[in-house]
C-alpha atoms as a PDB file:
ATOM      1  CA  UNK A   1     -64.735   0.774 -32.707  1.00  0.00           C
ATOM      2  CA  UNK A   2     -61.451   1.433 -30.915  1.00  0.00           C
ATOM      3  CA  UNK A   3     -58.317   0.654 -32.777  1.00  0.00           C
ATOM      4  CA  UNK A   4     -55.955  -1.531 -30.798  1.00  0.00           C
ATOM      5  CA  UNK A   5     -52.179  -1.067 -31.098  1.00  0.00           C
ATOM      6  CA  UNK A   6     -50.189  -4.048 -32.120  1.00  0.00           C
ATOM      7  CA  UNK A   7     -48.337  -5.580 -29.132  1.00  0.00           C
ATOM      8  CA  UNK A   8     -44.642  -4.826 -28.891  1.00  0.00           C
ATOM      9  CA  UNK A   9     -42.356  -7.728 -29.724  1.00  0.00           C
ATOM     10  CA  UNK A  10     -40.652  -9.589 -26.902  1.00  0.00           C
ATOM     11  CA  UNK A  11     -37.443  -7.916 -25.849  1.00  0.00           C
ATOM     12  CA  UNK A  12     -38.412  -4.524 -27.340  1.00  0.00           C
ATOM     13  CA  UNK A  13     -37.965  -2.694 -24.034  1.00  0.00           C
ATOM     14  CA  UNK A  14     -34.488  -4.200 -23.545  1.00  0.00           C
ATOM     15  CA  UNK A  15     -33.450  -3.219 -27.082  1.00  0.00           C
ATOM     16  CA  UNK A  16     -34.665   0.336 -26.550  1.00  0.00           C
ATOM     17  CA  UNK A  17     -32.883   0.510 -23.214  1.00  0.00           C
ATOM     18  CA  UNK A  18     -29.722  -0.951 -24.679  1.00  0.00           C
ATOM     19  CA  UNK A  19     -29.430   1.771 -27.325  1.00  0.00           C
ATOM     20  CA  UNK A  20     -29.413   4.368 -24.567  1.00  0.00           C
ATOM     21  CA  UNK A  21     -26.180   2.959 -23.097  1.00  0.00           C
ATOM     22  CA  UNK A  22     -24.361   1.776 -26.177  1.00  0.00           C
ATOM     23  CA  UNK A  23     -21.658   4.503 -25.758  1.00  0.00           C
ATOM     24  CA  UNK A  24     -20.993   3.773 -22.122  1.00  0.00           C
ATOM     25  CA  UNK A  25     -18.335   1.050 -22.605  1.00  0.00           C
ATOM     26  CA  UNK A  26     -16.391   3.291 -24.991  1.00  0.00           C
ATOM     27  CA  UNK A  27     -16.579   6.357 -22.720  1.00  0.00           C
ATOM     28  CA  UNK A  28     -15.661   4.234 -19.716  1.00  0.00           C
ATOM     29  CA  UNK A  29     -12.623   2.793 -21.491  1.00  0.00           C
ATOM     30  CA  UNK A  30     -11.432   6.237 -22.595  1.00  0.00           C
ATOM     31  CA  UNK A  31     -11.741   7.606 -19.039  1.00  0.00           C
ATOM     32  CA  UNK A  32      -9.877   4.636 -17.539  1.00  0.00           C
ATOM     33  CA  UNK A  33      -7.144   4.954 -20.134  1.00  0.00           C
ATOM     34  CA  UNK A  34      -6.712   8.658 -19.355  1.00  0.00           C
ATOM     35  CA  UNK A  35      -6.538   7.960 -15.632  1.00  0.00           C
ATOM     36  CA  UNK A  36      -3.951   5.230 -16.260  1.00  0.00           C
ATOM     37  CA  UNK A  37      -1.841   7.590 -18.354  1.00  0.00           C
ATOM     38  CA  UNK A  38      -1.989  10.234 -15.622  1.00  0.00           C
ATOM     39  CA  UNK A  39      -0.581   7.664 -13.196  1.00  0.00           C
ATOM     40  CA  UNK A  40       2.025   6.053 -15.502  1.00  0.00           C
ATOM     41  CA  UNK A  41       3.444   9.009 -17.474  1.00  0.00           C
ATOM     42  CA  UNK A  42       5.130  10.731 -14.465  1.00  0.00           C
ATOM     43  CA  UNK A  43       6.871   7.475 -13.625  1.00  0.00           C
ATOM     44  CA  UNK A  44       8.007   7.023 -17.231  1.00  0.00           C
ATOM     45  CA  UNK A  45       9.364  10.587 -17.193  1.00  0.00           C
ATOM     46  CA  UNK A  46      11.310   9.900 -13.981  1.00  0.00           C
ATOM     47  CA  UNK A  47      12.807   6.768 -15.526  1.00  0.00           C
ATOM     48  CA  UNK A  48      13.744   8.679 -18.665  1.00  0.00           C
ATOM     49  CA  UNK A  49      15.466  11.417 -16.608  1.00  0.00           C
ATOM     50  CA  UNK A  50      17.359   8.856 -14.532  1.00  0.00           C
ATOM     51  CA  UNK A  51      18.858   7.321 -17.693  1.00  0.00           C
ATOM     52  CA  UNK A  52      19.720  10.651 -19.315  1.00  0.00           C
ATOM     53  CA  UNK A  53      22.923  12.655 -19.221  1.00  0.00           C
ATOM     54  CA  UNK A  54      23.450  15.448 -16.775  1.00  0.00           C
ATOM     55  CA  UNK A  55      23.449  18.162 -19.476  1.00  0.00           C
ATOM     56  CA  UNK A  56      20.226  16.955 -21.113  1.00  0.00           C
ATOM     57  CA  UNK A  57      18.390  16.612 -17.779  1.00  0.00           C
ATOM     58  CA  UNK A  58      19.544  20.045 -16.535  1.00  0.00           C
ATOM     59  CA  UNK A  59      18.580  21.697 -19.823  1.00  0.00           C
ATOM     60  CA  UNK A  60      15.048  20.142 -19.668  1.00  0.00           C
ATOM     61  CA  UNK A  61      15.355  18.201 -22.948  1.00  0.00           C
ATOM     62  CA  UNK A  62      14.097  14.941 -21.470  1.00  0.00           C
ATOM     63  CA  UNK A  63      10.431  14.041 -21.890  1.00  0.00           C
ATOM     64  CA  UNK A  64       9.412  10.401 -22.142  1.00  0.00           C
ATOM     65  CA  UNK A  65      12.602   8.925 -23.591  1.00  0.00           C
ATOM     66  CA  UNK A  66      16.215   9.140 -22.276  1.00  0.00           C
ATOM     67  CA  UNK A  67      18.523  11.632 -23.940  1.00  0.00           C
ATOM     68  CA  UNK A  68      22.226  10.632 -24.170  1.00  0.00           C
ATOM     69  CA  UNK A  69      21.519   7.292 -22.484  1.00  0.00           C
ATOM     70  CA  UNK A  70      23.798   6.615 -19.475  1.00  0.00           C
ATOM     71  CA  UNK A  71      23.889   4.551 -16.266  1.00  0.00           C
ATOM     72  CA  UNK A  72      25.939   7.157 -14.403  1.00  0.00           C
ATOM     73  CA  UNK A  73      23.280   7.981 -11.793  1.00  0.00           C
ATOM     74  CA  UNK A  74      22.565   4.301 -11.075  1.00  0.00           C
ATOM     75  CA  UNK A  75      26.279   3.487 -10.900  1.00  0.00           C
ATOM     76  CA  UNK A  76      26.739   6.203  -8.341  1.00  0.00           C
ATOM     77  CA  UNK A  77      23.753   5.031  -6.322  1.00  0.00           C
ATOM     78  CA  UNK A  78      24.891   1.396  -6.455  1.00  0.00           C
ATOM     79  CA  UNK A  79      28.340   2.411  -5.174  1.00  0.00           C
ATOM     80  CA  UNK A  80      26.883   3.784  -1.995  1.00  0.00           C
ATOM     81  CA  UNK A  81      26.883   1.186   0.790  1.00  0.00           C
ATOM     82  CA  UNK A  82      24.578   3.405   2.767  1.00  0.00           C
ATOM     83  CA  UNK A  83      21.908   3.037   0.088  1.00  0.00           C
ATOM     84  CA  UNK A  84      21.939  -0.762   0.228  1.00  0.00           C
ATOM     85  CA  UNK A  85      22.025  -0.726   4.028  1.00  0.00           C
ATOM     86  CA  UNK A  86      18.945   1.486   4.043  1.00  0.00           C
ATOM     87  CA  UNK A  87      17.293  -0.794   1.478  1.00  0.00           C
ATOM     88  CA  UNK A  88      17.942  -3.787   3.773  1.00  0.00           C
ATOM     89  CA  UNK A  89      16.383  -1.957   6.744  1.00  0.00           C
ATOM     90  CA  UNK A  90      13.244  -1.213   4.704  1.00  0.00           C
ATOM     91  CA  UNK A  91      12.965  -4.771   3.433  1.00  0.00           C
ATOM     92  CA  UNK A  92      13.383  -6.056   7.004  1.00  0.00           C
ATOM     93  CA  UNK A  93      10.718  -3.612   8.146  1.00  0.00           C
ATOM     94  CA  UNK A  94       8.293  -4.911   5.532  1.00  0.00           C
ATOM     95  CA  UNK A  95       9.171  -8.568   6.244  1.00  0.00           C
ATOM     96  CA  UNK A  96       8.435  -8.192   9.955  1.00  0.00           C
ATOM     97  CA  UNK A  97       5.833  -5.410   9.930  1.00  0.00           C
ATOM     98  CA  UNK A  98       3.417  -6.646   7.245  1.00  0.00           C
ATOM     99  CA  UNK A  99       2.768 -10.140   8.730  1.00  0.00           C
ATOM    100  CA  UNK A 100       2.414  -8.622  12.215  1.00  0.00           C
ATOM    101  CA  UNK A 101      -0.077  -6.032  10.883  1.00  0.00           C
ATOM    102  CA  UNK A 102      -2.167  -8.719   9.177  1.00  0.00           C
ATOM    103  CA  UNK A 103      -2.097 -10.999  12.224  1.00  0.00           C
ATOM    104  CA  UNK A 104      -3.206  -8.347  14.678  1.00  0.00           C
ATOM    105  CA  UNK A 105      -5.750  -6.982  12.228  1.00  0.00           C
ATOM    106  CA  UNK A 106      -7.373 -10.432  11.943  1.00  0.00           C
ATOM    107  CA  UNK A 107      -7.315 -11.015  15.688  1.00  0.00           C
ATOM    108  CA  UNK A 108      -9.005  -7.661  16.371  1.00  0.00           C
ATOM    109  CA  UNK A 109     -11.449  -7.612  13.475  1.00  0.00           C
ATOM    110  CA  UNK A 110     -12.862 -11.106  14.020  1.00  0.00           C
ATOM    111  CA  UNK A 111     -14.421 -10.494  17.517  1.00  0.00           C
ATOM    112  CA  UNK A 112     -15.507  -6.974  16.566  1.00  0.00           C
ATOM    113  CA  UNK A 113     -17.472  -8.393  13.601  1.00  0.00           C
ATOM    114  CA  UNK A 114     -19.742 -10.336  15.965  1.00  0.00           C
ATOM    115  CA  UNK A 115     -23.217  -9.216  16.954  1.00  0.00           C
ATOM    116  CA  UNK A 116     -23.740  -7.466  20.300  1.00  0.00           C
ATOM    117  CA  UNK A 117     -25.371 -10.512  21.842  1.00  0.00           C
ATOM    118  CA  UNK A 118     -22.316 -12.649  20.994  1.00  0.00           C
ATOM    119  CA  UNK A 119     -19.760 -10.092  22.144  1.00  0.00           C
ATOM    120  CA  UNK A 120     -21.225  -7.951  24.911  1.00  0.00           C
ATOM    121  CA  UNK A 121     -18.951  -4.901  24.700  1.00  0.00           C
ATOM    122  CA  UNK A 122     -18.392  -5.001  20.966  1.00  0.00           C
ATOM    123  CA  UNK A 123     -19.710  -1.513  20.314  1.00  0.00           C
ATOM    124  CA  UNK A 124     -17.627   0.009  23.094  1.00  0.00           C
ATOM    125  CA  UNK A 125     -14.384  -1.515  21.782  1.00  0.00           C
ATOM    126  CA  UNK A 126     -15.295  -0.567  18.191  1.00  0.00           C
ATOM    127  CA  UNK A 127     -15.752   3.079  19.183  1.00  0.00           C
ATOM    128  CA  UNK A 128     -12.499   3.082  21.149  1.00  0.00           C
ATOM    129  CA  UNK A 129     -10.627   1.920  18.094  1.00  0.00           C
ATOM    130  CA  UNK A 130     -12.461   4.415  15.861  1.00  0.00           C
ATOM    131  CA  UNK A 131     -11.607   7.302  18.165  1.00  0.00           C
ATOM    132  CA  UNK A 132      -7.878   6.533  17.744  1.00  0.00           C
ATOM    133  CA  UNK A 133      -8.316   7.197  14.032  1.00  0.00           C
ATOM    134  CA  UNK A 134      -9.479  10.778  14.766  1.00  0.00           C
ATOM    135  CA  UNK A 135      -7.302  11.737  17.755  1.00  0.00           C
ATOM    136  CA  UNK A 136      -3.863  10.856  19.025  1.00  0.00           C
ATOM    137  CA  UNK A 137      -1.741  11.727  22.065  1.00  0.00           C
ATOM    138  CA  UNK A 138       0.662  13.884  20.101  1.00  0.00           C
ATOM    139  CA  UNK A 139       4.246  13.601  18.916  1.00  0.00           C
ATOM    140  CA  UNK A 140       5.940  14.037  22.286  1.00  0.00           C
ATOM    141  CA  UNK A 141       3.969  11.301  24.149  1.00  0.00           C
ATOM    142  CA  UNK A 142       4.427   9.019  21.171  1.00  0.00           C
ATOM    143  CA  UNK A 143       8.208   9.531  21.243  1.00  0.00           C
ATOM    144  CA  UNK A 144       8.408   9.286  25.034  1.00  0.00           C
ATOM    145  CA  UNK A 145       6.533   5.974  25.050  1.00  0.00           C
ATOM    146  CA  UNK A 146       8.864   4.455  22.510  1.00  0.00           C
ATOM    147  CA  UNK A 147      11.873   5.739  24.424  1.00  0.00           C
ATOM    148  CA  UNK A 148      10.626   4.375  27.756  1.00  0.00           C
ATOM    149  CA  UNK A 149      10.269   0.892  26.258  1.00  0.00           C
ATOM    150  CA  UNK A 150      13.872   1.062  25.056  1.00  0.00           C
ATOM    151  CA  UNK A 151      12.993   0.716  21.362  1.00  0.00           C
ATOM    152  CA  UNK A 152      14.938   3.733  20.047  1.00  0.00           C
ATOM    153  CA  UNK A 153      17.498   2.965  17.316  1.00  0.00           C
ATOM    154  CA  UNK A 154      16.090  -0.506  16.709  1.00  0.00           C
ATOM    155  CA  UNK A 155      13.960  -2.014  13.950  1.00  0.00           C
ATOM    156  CA  UNK A 156      11.084  -2.549  16.398  1.00  0.00           C
ATOM    157  CA  UNK A 157      10.748   1.212  16.844  1.00  0.00           C
ATOM    158  CA  UNK A 158       9.582   1.313  13.232  1.00  0.00           C
ATOM    159  CA  UNK A 159       7.174  -1.647  13.585  1.00  0.00           C
ATOM    160  CA  UNK A 160       5.521  -1.880  17.002  1.00  0.00           C
ATOM    161  CA  UNK A 161       4.053   1.668  17.293  1.00  0.00           C
ATOM    162  CA  UNK A 162       1.862   1.004  14.232  1.00  0.00           C
ATOM    163  CA  UNK A 163       1.373  -2.729  14.766  1.00  0.00           C
ATOM    164  CA  UNK A 164      -2.457  -2.420  14.857  1.00  0.00           C
ATOM    165  CA  UNK A 165      -3.547  -0.371  11.802  1.00  0.00           C
ATOM    166  CA  UNK A 166      -7.042   0.723  12.873  1.00  0.00           C
ATOM    167  CA  UNK A 167      -8.126   1.644   9.346  1.00  0.00           C
ATOM    168  CA  UNK A 168      -7.364  -1.876   8.191  1.00  0.00           C
ATOM    169  CA  UNK A 169      -9.264  -3.251  11.201  1.00  0.00           C
ATOM    170  CA  UNK A 170     -12.365  -1.280  10.188  1.00  0.00           C
ATOM    171  CA  UNK A 171     -12.120  -2.511   6.580  1.00  0.00           C
ATOM    172  CA  UNK A 172     -11.657  -6.143   7.574  1.00  0.00           C
ATOM    173  CA  UNK A 173     -14.358  -5.911  10.237  1.00  0.00           C
ATOM    174  CA  UNK A 174     -16.913  -4.809   7.646  1.00  0.00           C
ATOM    175  CA  UNK A 175     -15.627  -7.516   5.294  1.00  0.00           C
ATOM    176  CA  UNK A 176     -16.161 -10.211   7.971  1.00  0.00           C
ATOM    177  CA  UNK A 177     -19.676  -8.969   8.616  1.00  0.00           C
ATOM    178  CA  UNK A 178     -20.605  -9.515   4.983  1.00  0.00           C
ATOM    179  CA  UNK A 179     -19.710 -13.207   5.162  1.00  0.00           C
ATOM    180  CA  UNK A 180     -22.921 -15.298   5.405  1.00  0.00           C
ATOM    181  CA  UNK A 181     -23.747 -16.360   8.936  1.00  0.00           C
ATOM    182  CA  UNK A 182     -24.582 -19.882   7.675  1.00  0.00           C
ATOM    183  CA  UNK A 183     -20.889 -20.621   7.217  1.00  0.00           C
ATOM    184  CA  UNK A 184     -20.001 -19.833  10.816  1.00  0.00           C
ATOM    185  CA  UNK A 185     -23.116 -21.587  12.174  1.00  0.00           C
ATOM    186  CA  UNK A 186     -22.291 -24.720  10.201  1.00  0.00           C
ATOM    187  CA  UNK A 187     -18.737 -24.754  11.543  1.00  0.00           C
ATOM    188  CA  UNK A 188     -19.899 -24.264  15.157  1.00  0.00           C
ATOM    189  CA  UNK A 189     -22.470 -27.030  14.792  1.00  0.00           C
ATOM    190  CA  UNK A 190     -19.730 -29.378  13.602  1.00  0.00           C
ATOM    191  CA  UNK A 191     -17.813 -28.638  16.781  1.00  0.00           C
ATOM    192  CA  UNK A 192     -15.312 -26.057  15.523  1.00  0.00           C
ATOM    193  CA  UNK A 193     -14.141 -23.449  17.997  1.00  0.00           C
ATOM    194  CA  UNK A 194     -13.989 -19.749  17.227  1.00  0.00           C
ATOM    195  CA  UNK A 195     -10.270 -20.020  16.700  1.00  0.00           C
ATOM    196  CA  UNK A 196     -10.716 -22.858  14.182  1.00  0.00           C
ATOM    197  CA  UNK A 197     -13.606 -21.045  12.505  1.00  0.00           C
ATOM    198  CA  UNK A 198     -11.565 -17.870  12.112  1.00  0.00           C
ATOM    199  CA  UNK A 199      -8.564 -19.579  10.500  1.00  0.00           C
ATOM    200  CA  UNK A 200     -10.426 -22.231   8.485  1.00  0.00           C
ATOM    201  CA  UNK A 201     -13.477 -20.241   7.297  1.00  0.00           C
ATOM    202  CA  UNK A 202     -13.014 -16.501   7.591  1.00  0.00           C
ATOM    203  CA  UNK A 203      -9.372 -16.071   6.614  1.00  0.00           C
ATOM    204  CA  UNK A 204      -9.445 -18.260   3.437  1.00  0.00           C
ATOM    205  CA  UNK A 205     -12.597 -16.522   2.246  1.00  0.00           C
ATOM    206  CA  UNK A 206     -11.035 -13.090   2.940  1.00  0.00           C
ATOM    207  CA  UNK A 207      -8.009 -13.454   0.692  1.00  0.00           C
ATOM    208  CA  UNK A 208      -9.036 -10.498  -1.565  1.00  0.00           C
ATOM    209  CA  UNK A 209      -9.398  -8.241   1.489  1.00  0.00           C
ATOM    210  CA  UNK A 210      -6.231  -9.508   3.132  1.00  0.00           C
ATOM    211  CA  UNK A 211      -4.250  -9.023  -0.071  1.00  0.00           C
ATOM    212  CA  UNK A 212      -5.445  -5.420  -0.247  1.00  0.00           C
ATOM    213  CA  UNK A 213      -4.572  -4.815   3.425  1.00  0.00           C
ATOM    214  CA  UNK A 214      -1.185  -6.423   2.887  1.00  0.00           C
ATOM    215  CA  UNK A 215      -0.484  -4.015   0.042  1.00  0.00           C
ATOM    216  CA  UNK A 216      -1.650  -1.088   2.216  1.00  0.00           C
ATOM    217  CA  UNK A 217       0.716  -2.208   4.954  1.00  0.00           C
ATOM    218  CA  UNK A 218       3.671  -2.684   2.617  1.00  0.00           C
ATOM    219  CA  UNK A 219       3.222   0.733   1.062  1.00  0.00           C
ATOM    220  CA  UNK A 220       2.841   2.340   4.476  1.00  0.00           C
ATOM    221  CA  UNK A 221       6.031   0.736   5.799  1.00  0.00           C
ATOM    222  CA  UNK A 222       7.962   1.398   2.620  1.00  0.00           C
ATOM    223  CA  UNK A 223       6.985   5.054   2.286  1.00  0.00           C
ATOM    224  CA  UNK A 224       7.471   6.033   5.952  1.00  0.00           C
ATOM    225  CA  UNK A 225      10.475   8.330   6.441  1.00  0.00           C
ATOM    226  CA  UNK A 226       9.582  10.679   9.297  1.00  0.00           C
ATOM    227  CA  UNK A 227       9.644   8.043  12.049  1.00  0.00           C
ATOM    228  CA  UNK A 228      13.086   6.907  10.839  1.00  0.00           C
ATOM    229  CA  UNK A 229      14.541  10.377  11.237  1.00  0.00           C
ATOM    230  CA  UNK A 230      13.114  10.747  14.739  1.00  0.00           C
ATOM    231  CA  UNK A 231      13.701   7.274  16.128  1.00  0.00           C
ATOM    232  CA  UNK A 232      17.062   6.348  14.583  1.00  0.00           C
ATOM    233  CA  UNK A 233      20.034   8.082  16.082  1.00  0.00           C
ATOM    234  CA  UNK A 234      22.489   6.222  13.884  1.00  0.00           C
ATOM    235  CA  UNK A 235      22.175   7.007  10.161  1.00  0.00           C
ATOM    236  CA  UNK A 236      23.114   3.413   9.335  1.00  0.00           C
ATOM    237  CA  UNK A 237      19.754   2.363  10.786  1.00  0.00           C
ATOM    238  CA  UNK A 238      17.742   4.661   8.531  1.00  0.00           C
ATOM    239  CA  UNK A 239      15.132   3.004   6.305  1.00  0.00           C
ATOM    240  CA  UNK A 240      15.432   3.751   2.588  1.00  0.00           C
ATOM    241  CA  UNK A 241      12.960   6.656   2.480  1.00  0.00           C
ATOM    242  CA  UNK A 242      14.661   8.385   5.430  1.00  0.00           C
ATOM    243  CA  UNK A 243      18.037   7.944   3.695  1.00  0.00           C
ATOM    244  CA  UNK A 244      16.677   9.378   0.428  1.00  0.00           C
ATOM    245  CA  UNK A 245      15.142  12.268   2.319  1.00  0.00           C
ATOM    246  CA  UNK A 246      18.488  13.211   3.875  1.00  0.00           C
ATOM    247  CA  UNK A 247      20.368  12.944   0.588  1.00  0.00           C
ATOM    248  CA  UNK A 248      17.839  14.199  -1.930  1.00  0.00           C
ATOM    249  CA  UNK A 249      15.813  16.705   0.102  1.00  0.00           C
ATOM    250  CA  UNK A 250      18.184  17.909   2.802  1.00  0.00           C
ATOM    251  CA  UNK A 251      21.300  17.558   0.560  1.00  0.00           C
ATOM    252  CA  UNK A 252      23.271  16.229   3.546  1.00  0.00           C
ATOM    253  CA  UNK A 253      26.722  15.610   2.026  1.00  0.00           C
ATOM    254  CA  UNK A 254      28.668  15.459   5.279  1.00  0.00           C
ATOM    255  CA  UNK A 255      29.346  11.701   4.966  1.00  0.00           C
ATOM    256  CA  UNK A 256      30.616  11.875   1.357  1.00  0.00           C
ATOM    257  CA  UNK A 257      34.268  11.366   0.477  1.00  0.00           C
ATOM    258  CA  UNK A 258      36.239  13.423  -2.008  1.00  0.00           C
ATOM    259  CA  UNK A 259      35.730  10.823  -4.759  1.00  0.00           C
ATOM    260  CA  UNK A 260      32.000  10.925  -4.085  1.00  0.00           C
ATOM    261  CA  UNK A 261      32.069  14.652  -4.554  1.00  0.00           C
ATOM    262  CA  UNK A 262      33.862  14.290  -7.892  1.00  0.00           C
ATOM    263  CA  UNK A 263      31.399  11.670  -9.062  1.00  0.00           C
ATOM    264  CA  UNK A 264      28.491  13.786  -7.931  1.00  0.00           C
ATOM    265  CA  UNK A 265      29.793  16.667 -10.083  1.00  0.00           C
ATOM    266  CA  UNK A 266      29.241  14.498 -13.169  1.00  0.00           C
ATOM    267  CA  UNK A 267      25.618  13.778 -12.217  1.00  0.00           C
ATOM    268  CA  UNK A 268      22.903  16.398 -12.170  1.00  0.00           C
ATOM    269  CA  UNK A 269      20.604  16.813  -9.194  1.00  0.00           C
ATOM    270  CA  UNK A 270      17.638  15.742 -11.345  1.00  0.00           C
ATOM    271  CA  UNK A 271      19.160  12.460 -12.554  1.00  0.00           C
ATOM    272  CA  UNK A 272      20.273  11.548  -9.034  1.00  0.00           C
ATOM    273  CA  UNK A 273      16.882  12.201  -7.551  1.00  0.00           C
ATOM    274  CA  UNK A 274      15.101  10.356 -10.382  1.00  0.00           C
ATOM    275  CA  UNK A 275      17.266   7.247 -10.085  1.00  0.00           C
ATOM    276  CA  UNK A 276      16.820   6.994  -6.330  1.00  0.00           C
ATOM    277  CA  UNK A 277      13.081   7.678  -6.541  1.00  0.00           C
ATOM    278  CA  UNK A 278      12.710   4.918  -9.146  1.00  0.00           C
ATOM    279  CA  UNK A 279      14.787   2.447  -7.134  1.00  0.00           C
ATOM    280  CA  UNK A 280      12.810   3.378  -4.025  1.00  0.00           C
ATOM    281  CA  UNK A 281       9.476   2.592  -5.711  1.00  0.00           C
ATOM    282  CA  UNK A 282      10.640  -0.507  -7.617  1.00  0.00           C
ATOM    283  CA  UNK A 283      10.022  -3.157  -4.909  1.00  0.00           C
ATOM    284  CA  UNK A 284       6.399  -2.073  -4.480  1.00  0.00           C
ATOM    285  CA  UNK A 285       5.901  -2.008  -8.229  1.00  0.00           C
ATOM    286  CA  UNK A 286       7.246  -5.587  -8.464  1.00  0.00           C
ATOM    287  CA  UNK A 287       5.099  -6.791  -5.537  1.00  0.00           C
ATOM    288  CA  UNK A 288       1.824  -5.370  -6.878  1.00  0.00           C
ATOM    289  CA  UNK A 289       1.256  -7.897  -9.729  1.00  0.00           C
ATOM    290  CA  UNK A 290       1.439 -10.802  -7.278  1.00  0.00           C
ATOM    291  CA  UNK A 291      -1.409  -9.306  -5.178  1.00  0.00           C
ATOM    292  CA  UNK A 292      -3.518  -7.955  -8.038  1.00  0.00           C
ATOM    293  CA  UNK A 293      -5.086 -11.301  -8.861  1.00  0.00           C
ATOM    294  CA  UNK A 294      -6.870 -11.344  -5.484  1.00  0.00           C
ATOM    295  CA  UNK A 295      -8.517  -7.950  -6.094  1.00  0.00           C
ATOM    296  CA  UNK A 296     -10.837  -9.226  -8.812  1.00  0.00           C
ATOM    297  CA  UNK A 297     -12.109 -12.305  -6.976  1.00  0.00           C
ATOM    298  CA  UNK A 298     -15.535 -12.376  -5.358  1.00  0.00           C
ATOM    299  CA  UNK A 299     -15.979 -12.456  -1.599  1.00  0.00           C
ATOM    300  CA  UNK A 300     -17.943 -15.676  -1.074  1.00  0.00           C
ATOM    301  CA  UNK A 301     -19.007 -16.563  -4.597  1.00  0.00           C
ATOM    302  CA  UNK A 302     -20.357 -20.111  -4.576  1.00  0.00           C
ATOM    303  CA  UNK A 303     -19.721 -20.679  -0.847  1.00  0.00           C
ATOM    304  CA  UNK A 304     -23.427 -20.890   0.012  1.00  0.00           C
ATOM    305  CA  UNK A 305     -25.886 -22.655  -2.262  1.00  0.00           C
ATOM    306  CA  UNK A 306     -29.470 -21.619  -2.267  1.00  0.00           C
END
């Protein structure tokens, strides 16, 4: 007579499977902490150097805490009117450029997210936009076009050439395509136009994606320095990163007075660079927490009931 095995208790398979992954949360937390430290520690070091004395920074004594604490480098930076003028140009660029980027991204991504039967030449336009991500006309045609439109030495020269960020369009296009068709169909049945559907249905649901794209746009505008050097003939129109590049990288001291030279002698090159790098990154660091809350939200959680 065959001996039958006793049946396994309910939940036995789940318990056995759970033991296999019991270390995963701990390992995952350790890896994420290490990645966070890799990102944060360099910034902490820069802040420590910026608040340290010239002798301590030059000798390499500064690690993660200031040595001979001083505000000398920040006082020198704050005394430069050119620094605050460049800061104002960068803030103006973000204030005008980011909303324009988001507006045009939405207007382009919404029709490209439709099916081919709803938008006849959708695939053609999508490929045309995609090709611009891989190839461009070159630096000289880019500069000549901006010059012919009379945009040189103006804030619009920093905004309009990149007004349609194609990478953001591709991201938002795919995001729109993931939104359930039932929402759009219900709106159209109720008599809403495409314009009303876009602003009342798609845009509110897409806040997580739009917040991410807004951060991308802000970082792109804030970190750009090369276009400022090429398109701005007057140094007073430089954005902040272009100004920092001329002072910190090129060491262009032609506009400094004798008093500035004497003050600069009391500040090491490392402390000056660190203070300006930190001040240059501070606005983006302050803006990030206000956008972070949208990153963890679901796309359309609860919008369609089964």
